[in-house]
Amino acid sequence: IASTVVAVGLTIAAAGFASCYVLQAMKHMEPQVKQVFQSLTKSAFSGGYYRGGWSER
């Protein structure tokens, strides 16, 4: 039983460290992601109307 408790504790600790690392990585990537979204919306909506999605009928 003691080894199961130790294994569960180590798993929880590893999950905590992993989530902390992921959050730090996302903070560093945020400006790059914003720039990609801005460039996508500018290209899709340039010219005054939406250029993607639905085909003309």
PDB file of N, CA and C in Angstrom:
ATOM      1  N   ILE A   1       0.836  -1.185   0.000  1.00  0.00           N
ATOM      2  CA  ILE A   1       0.000   0.000   0.000  1.00  0.00           C
ATOM      3  C   ILE A   1       0.885   1.255   0.000  1.00  0.00           C
ATOM      4  N   ALA A   2       1.981   1.225   0.730  1.00  0.00           N
ATOM      5  CA  ALA A   2       2.852   2.394   0.821  1.00  0.00           C
ATOM      6  C   ALA A   2       3.450   2.738  -0.546  1.00  0.00           C
ATOM      7  N   SER A   3       3.802   1.719  -1.329  1.00  0.00           N
ATOM      8  CA  SER A   3       4.389   1.999  -2.639  1.00  0.00           C
ATOM      9  C   SER A   3       3.351   2.623  -3.579  1.00  0.00           C
ATOM     10  N   THR A   4       2.089   2.249  -3.435  1.00  0.00           N
ATOM     11  CA  THR A   4       1.026   2.846  -4.247  1.00  0.00           C
ATOM     12  C   THR A   4       0.851   4.319  -3.894  1.00  0.00           C
ATOM     13  N   VAL A   5       0.896   4.637  -2.611  1.00  0.00           N
ATOM     14  CA  VAL A   5       0.763   6.026  -2.176  1.00  0.00           C
ATOM     15  C   VAL A   5       1.934   6.857  -2.698  1.00  0.00           C
ATOM     16  N   VAL A   6       3.140   6.301  -2.646  1.00  0.00           N
ATOM     17  CA  VAL A   6       4.316   7.005  -3.157  1.00  0.00           C
ATOM     18  C   VAL A   6       4.187   7.225  -4.662  1.00  0.00           C
ATOM     19  N   ALA A   7       3.738   6.214  -5.388  1.00  0.00           N
ATOM     20  CA  ALA A   7       3.576   6.338  -6.838  1.00  0.00           C
ATOM     21  C   ALA A   7       2.539   7.402  -7.190  1.00  0.00           C
ATOM     22  N   VAL A   8       1.428   7.425  -6.464  1.00  0.00           N
ATOM     23  CA  VAL A   8       0.393   8.434  -6.707  1.00  0.00           C
ATOM     24  C   VAL A   8       0.935   9.824  -6.398  1.00  0.00           C
ATOM     25  N   GLY A   9       1.672   9.971  -5.326  1.00  0.00           N
ATOM     26  CA  GLY A   9       2.251  11.260  -4.977  1.00  0.00           C
ATOM     27  C   GLY A   9       3.233  11.762  -6.023  1.00  0.00           C
ATOM     28  N   LEU A  10       4.077  10.860  -6.521  1.00  0.00           N
ATOM     29  CA  LEU A  10       5.025  11.245  -7.557  1.00  0.00           C
ATOM     30  C   LEU A  10       4.316  11.627  -8.862  1.00  0.00           C
ATOM     31  N   THR A  11       3.242  10.927  -9.165  1.00  0.00           N
ATOM     32  CA  THR A  11       2.465  11.244 -10.370  1.00  0.00           C
ATOM     33  C   THR A  11       1.834  12.621 -10.263  1.00  0.00           C
ATOM     34  N   ILE A  12       1.276  12.931  -9.110  1.00  0.00           N
ATOM     35  CA  ILE A  12       0.657  14.245  -8.893  1.00  0.00           C
ATOM     36  C   ILE A  12       1.721  15.348  -8.961  1.00  0.00           C
ATOM     37  N   ALA A  13       2.870  15.103  -8.365  1.00  0.00           N
ATOM     38  CA  ALA A  13       3.952  16.095  -8.406  1.00  0.00           C
ATOM     39  C   ALA A  13       4.437  16.313  -9.838  1.00  0.00           C
ATOM     40  N   ALA A  14       4.577  15.248 -10.602  1.00  0.00           N
ATOM     41  CA  ALA A  14       5.013  15.367 -11.991  1.00  0.00           C
ATOM     42  C   ALA A  14       3.995  16.142 -12.816  1.00  0.00           C
ATOM     43  N   ALA A  15       2.712  15.891 -12.571  1.00  0.00           N
ATOM     44  CA  ALA A  15       1.669  16.622 -13.293  1.00  0.00           C
ATOM     45  C   ALA A  15       1.715  18.109 -12.945  1.00  0.00           C
ATOM     46  N   GLY A  16       1.972  18.431 -11.702  1.00  0.00           N
ATOM     47  CA  GLY A  16       2.081  19.832 -11.289  1.00  0.00           C
ATOM     48  C   GLY A  16       3.250  20.538 -11.952  1.00  0.00           C
ATOM     49  N   PHE A  17       4.416  19.886 -11.979  1.00  0.00           N
ATOM     50  CA  PHE A  17       5.572  20.490 -12.627  1.00  0.00           C
ATOM     51  C   PHE A  17       5.342  20.644 -14.124  1.00  0.00           C
ATOM     52  N   ALA A  18       4.722  19.652 -14.741  1.00  0.00           N
ATOM     53  CA  ALA A  18       4.465  19.722 -16.186  1.00  0.00           C
ATOM     54  C   ALA A  18       3.510  20.862 -16.514  1.00  0.00           C
ATOM     55  N   SER A  19       2.458  21.033 -15.718  1.00  0.00           N
ATOM     56  CA  SER A  19       1.511  22.109 -15.996  1.00  0.00           C
ATOM     57  C   SER A  19       2.163  23.473 -15.791  1.00  0.00           C
ATOM     58  N   CYS A  20       3.034  23.600 -14.822  1.00  0.00           N
ATOM     59  CA  CYS A  20       3.756  24.856 -14.598  1.00  0.00           C
ATOM     60  C   CYS A  20       4.655  25.166 -15.793  1.00  0.00           C
ATOM     61  N   TYR A  21       5.332  24.170 -16.310  1.00  0.00           N
ATOM     62  CA  TYR A  21       6.202  24.356 -17.468  1.00  0.00           C
ATOM     63  C   TYR A  21       5.399  24.763 -18.697  1.00  0.00           C
ATOM     64  N   VAL A  22       4.243  24.131 -18.910  1.00  0.00           N
ATOM     65  CA  VAL A  22       3.391  24.462 -20.059  1.00  0.00           C
ATOM     66  C   VAL A  22       2.893  25.896 -19.954  1.00  0.00           C
ATOM     67  N   LEU A  23       2.482  26.323 -18.776  1.00  0.00           N
ATOM     68  CA  LEU A  23       2.006  27.698 -18.611  1.00  0.00           C
ATOM     69  C   LEU A  23       3.117  28.708 -18.889  1.00  0.00           C
ATOM     70  N   GLN A  24       4.330  28.428 -18.442  1.00  0.00           N
ATOM     71  CA  GLN A  24       5.443  29.333 -18.723  1.00  0.00           C
ATOM     72  C   GLN A  24       5.744  29.391 -20.216  1.00  0.00           C
ATOM     73  N   ALA A  25       5.678  28.252 -20.891  1.00  0.00           N
ATOM     74  CA  ALA A  25       5.933  28.221 -22.332  1.00  0.00           C
ATOM     75  C   ALA A  25       4.854  28.995 -23.090  1.00  0.00           C
ATOM     76  N   MET A  26       3.609  28.910 -22.640  1.00  0.00           N
ATOM     77  CA  MET A  26       2.523  29.631 -23.307  1.00  0.00           C
ATOM     78  C   MET A  26       2.683  31.135 -23.127  1.00  0.00           C
ATOM     79  N   LYS A  27       3.181  31.581 -21.985  1.00  0.00           N
ATOM     80  CA  LYS A  27       3.399  33.018 -21.768  1.00  0.00           C
ATOM     81  C   LYS A  27       4.435  33.555 -22.746  1.00  0.00           C
ATOM     82  N   HIS A  28       5.471  32.765 -23.029  1.00  0.00           N
ATOM     83  CA  HIS A  28       6.508  33.209 -23.951  1.00  0.00           C
ATOM     84  C   HIS A  28       6.027  33.192 -25.394  1.00  0.00           C
ATOM     85  N   MET A  29       5.076  32.327 -25.721  1.00  0.00           N
ATOM     86  CA  MET A  29       4.589  32.205 -27.097  1.00  0.00           C
ATOM     87  C   MET A  29       3.431  33.147 -27.397  1.00  0.00           C
ATOM     88  N   GLU A  30       2.858  33.805 -26.419  1.00  0.00           N
ATOM     89  CA  GLU A  30       1.663  34.624 -26.609  1.00  0.00           C
ATOM     90  C   GLU A  30       1.832  35.716 -27.668  1.00  0.00           C
ATOM     91  N   PRO A  31       2.919  36.510 -27.682  1.00  0.00           N
ATOM     92  CA  PRO A  31       3.040  37.534 -28.726  1.00  0.00           C
ATOM     93  C   PRO A  31       3.089  36.949 -30.134  1.00  0.00           C
ATOM     94  N   GLN A  32       3.740  35.802 -30.303  1.00  0.00           N
ATOM     95  CA  GLN A  32       3.824  35.169 -31.610  1.00  0.00           C
ATOM     96  C   GLN A  32       2.462  34.682 -32.065  1.00  0.00           C
ATOM     97  N   VAL A  33       1.676  34.114 -31.150  1.00  0.00           N
ATOM     98  CA  VAL A  33       0.343  33.628 -31.498  1.00  0.00           C
ATOM     99  C   VAL A  33      -0.563  34.785 -31.883  1.00  0.00           C
ATOM    100  N   LYS A  34      -0.476  35.898 -31.148  1.00  0.00           N
ATOM    101  CA  LYS A  34      -1.277  37.072 -31.482  1.00  0.00           C
ATOM    102  C   LYS A  34      -0.929  37.593 -32.869  1.00  0.00           C
ATOM    103  N   GLN A  35       0.359  37.593 -33.210  1.00  0.00           N
ATOM    104  CA  GLN A  35       0.777  38.080 -34.513  1.00  0.00           C
ATOM    105  C   GLN A  35       0.232  37.190 -35.627  1.00  0.00           C
ATOM    106  N   VAL A  36       0.225  35.892 -35.421  1.00  0.00           N
ATOM    107  CA  VAL A  36      -0.304  34.967 -36.429  1.00  0.00           C
ATOM    108  C   VAL A  36      -1.797  35.206 -36.630  1.00  0.00           C
ATOM    109  N   PHE A  37      -2.554  35.370 -35.541  1.00  0.00           N
ATOM    110  CA  PHE A  37      -3.986  35.614 -35.666  1.00  0.00           C
ATOM    111  C   PHE A  37      -4.263  36.935 -36.368  1.00  0.00           C
ATOM    112  N   GLN A  38      -3.473  37.959 -36.079  1.00  0.00           N
ATOM    113  CA  GLN A  38      -3.679  39.246 -36.736  1.00  0.00           C
ATOM    114  C   GLN A  38      -3.413  39.146 -38.223  1.00  0.00           C
ATOM    115  N   SER A  39      -2.377  38.436 -38.615  1.00  0.00           N
ATOM    116  CA  SER A  39      -2.077  38.309 -40.036  1.00  0.00           C
ATOM    117  C   SER A  39      -3.153  37.487 -40.747  1.00  0.00           C
ATOM    118  N   LEU A  40      -3.705  36.481 -40.067  1.00  0.00           N
ATOM    119  CA  LEU A  40      -4.774  35.687 -40.685  1.00  0.00           C
ATOM    120  C   LEU A  40      -6.031  36.515 -40.889  1.00  0.00           C
ATOM    121  N   THR A  41      -6.414  37.296 -39.897  1.00  0.00           N
ATOM    122  CA  THR A  41      -7.634  38.085 -40.033  1.00  0.00           C
ATOM    123  C   THR A  41      -7.454  39.191 -41.058  1.00  0.00           C
ATOM    124  N   LYS A  42      -6.266  39.773 -41.157  1.00  0.00           N
ATOM    125  CA  LYS A  42      -6.031  40.816 -42.163  1.00  0.00           C
ATOM    126  C   LYS A  42      -6.139  40.245 -43.566  1.00  0.00           C
ATOM    127  N   SER A  43      -5.597  39.064 -43.802  1.00  0.00           N
ATOM    128  CA  SER A  43      -5.640  38.487 -45.145  1.00  0.00           C
ATOM    129  C   SER A  43      -7.041  37.993 -45.483  1.00  0.00           C
ATOM    130  N   ALA A  44      -7.782  37.502 -44.506  1.00  0.00           N
ATOM    131  CA  ALA A  44      -9.117  36.971 -44.780  1.00  0.00           C
ATOM    132  C   ALA A  44     -10.123  38.085 -45.023  1.00  0.00           C
ATOM    133  N   PHE A  45      -9.975  39.219 -44.354  1.00  0.00           N
ATOM    134  CA  PHE A  45     -10.961  40.291 -44.443  1.00  0.00           C
ATOM    135  C   PHE A  45     -10.476  41.473 -45.277  1.00  0.00           C
ATOM    136  N   SER A  46      -9.367  41.349 -45.970  1.00  0.00           N
ATOM    137  CA  SER A  46      -8.888  42.479 -46.763  1.00  0.00           C
ATOM    138  C   SER A  46      -9.797  42.686 -47.970  1.00  0.00           C
ATOM    139  N   GLY A  47      -9.952  43.916 -48.374  1.00  0.00           N
ATOM    140  CA  GLY A  47     -10.801  44.228 -49.511  1.00  0.00           C
ATOM    141  C   GLY A  47     -12.216  44.559 -49.113  1.00  0.00           C
ATOM    142  N   GLY A  48     -12.544  44.544 -47.843  1.00  0.00           N
ATOM    143  CA  GLY A  48     -13.869  44.956 -47.403  1.00  0.00           C
ATOM    144  C   GLY A  48     -14.873  43.837 -47.264  1.00  0.00           C
ATOM    145  N   TYR A  49     -14.535  42.647 -47.664  1.00  0.00           N
ATOM    146  CA  TYR A  49     -15.467  41.536 -47.478  1.00  0.00           C
ATOM    147  C   TYR A  49     -14.690  40.269 -47.156  1.00  0.00           C
ATOM    148  N   TYR A  50     -15.413  39.298 -46.663  1.00  0.00           N
ATOM    149  CA  TYR A  50     -14.781  38.052 -46.232  1.00  0.00           C
ATOM    150  C   TYR A  50     -14.430  37.209 -47.450  1.00  0.00           C
ATOM    151  N   ARG A  51     -13.165  36.776 -47.561  1.00  0.00           N
ATOM    152  CA  ARG A  51     -12.713  36.057 -48.727  1.00  0.00           C
ATOM    153  C   ARG A  51     -12.746  34.527 -48.545  1.00  0.00           C
ATOM    154  N   GLY A  52     -13.071  34.046 -47.401  1.00  0.00           N
ATOM    155  CA  GLY A  52     -13.001  32.610 -47.182  1.00  0.00           C
ATOM    156  C   GLY A  52     -14.330  32.061 -46.714  1.00  0.00           C
ATOM    157  N   GLY A  53     -14.368  30.746 -46.576  1.00  0.00           N
ATOM    158  CA  GLY A  53     -15.567  30.134 -46.007  1.00  0.00           C
ATOM    159  C   GLY A  53     -16.577  29.715 -47.059  1.00  0.00           C
ATOM    160  N   TRP A  54     -17.507  30.555 -47.347  1.00  0.00           N
ATOM    161  CA  TRP A  54     -18.602  30.208 -48.257  1.00  0.00           C
ATOM    162  C   TRP A  54     -18.233  30.497 -49.691  1.00  0.00           C
ATOM    163  N   SER A  55     -18.685  29.649 -50.586  1.00  0.00           N
ATOM    164  CA  SER A  55     -18.465  29.916 -52.009  1.00  0.00           C
ATOM    165  C   SER A  55     -19.561  30.848 -52.523  1.00  0.00           C
ATOM    166  N   GLU A  56     -19.247  31.574 -53.595  1.00  0.00           N
ATOM    167  CA  GLU A  56     -20.230  32.510 -54.141  1.00  0.00           C
ATOM    168  C   GLU A  56     -21.340  31.742 -54.843  1.00  0.00           C
ATOM    169  N   ARG A  57     -22.559  32.278 -54.742  1.00  0.00           N
ATOM    170  CA  ARG A  57     -23.700  31.602 -55.370  1.00  0.00           C
ATOM    171  C   ARG A  57     -24.309  32.458 -56.420  1.00  0.00           C
TER     172      ARG A  57
END
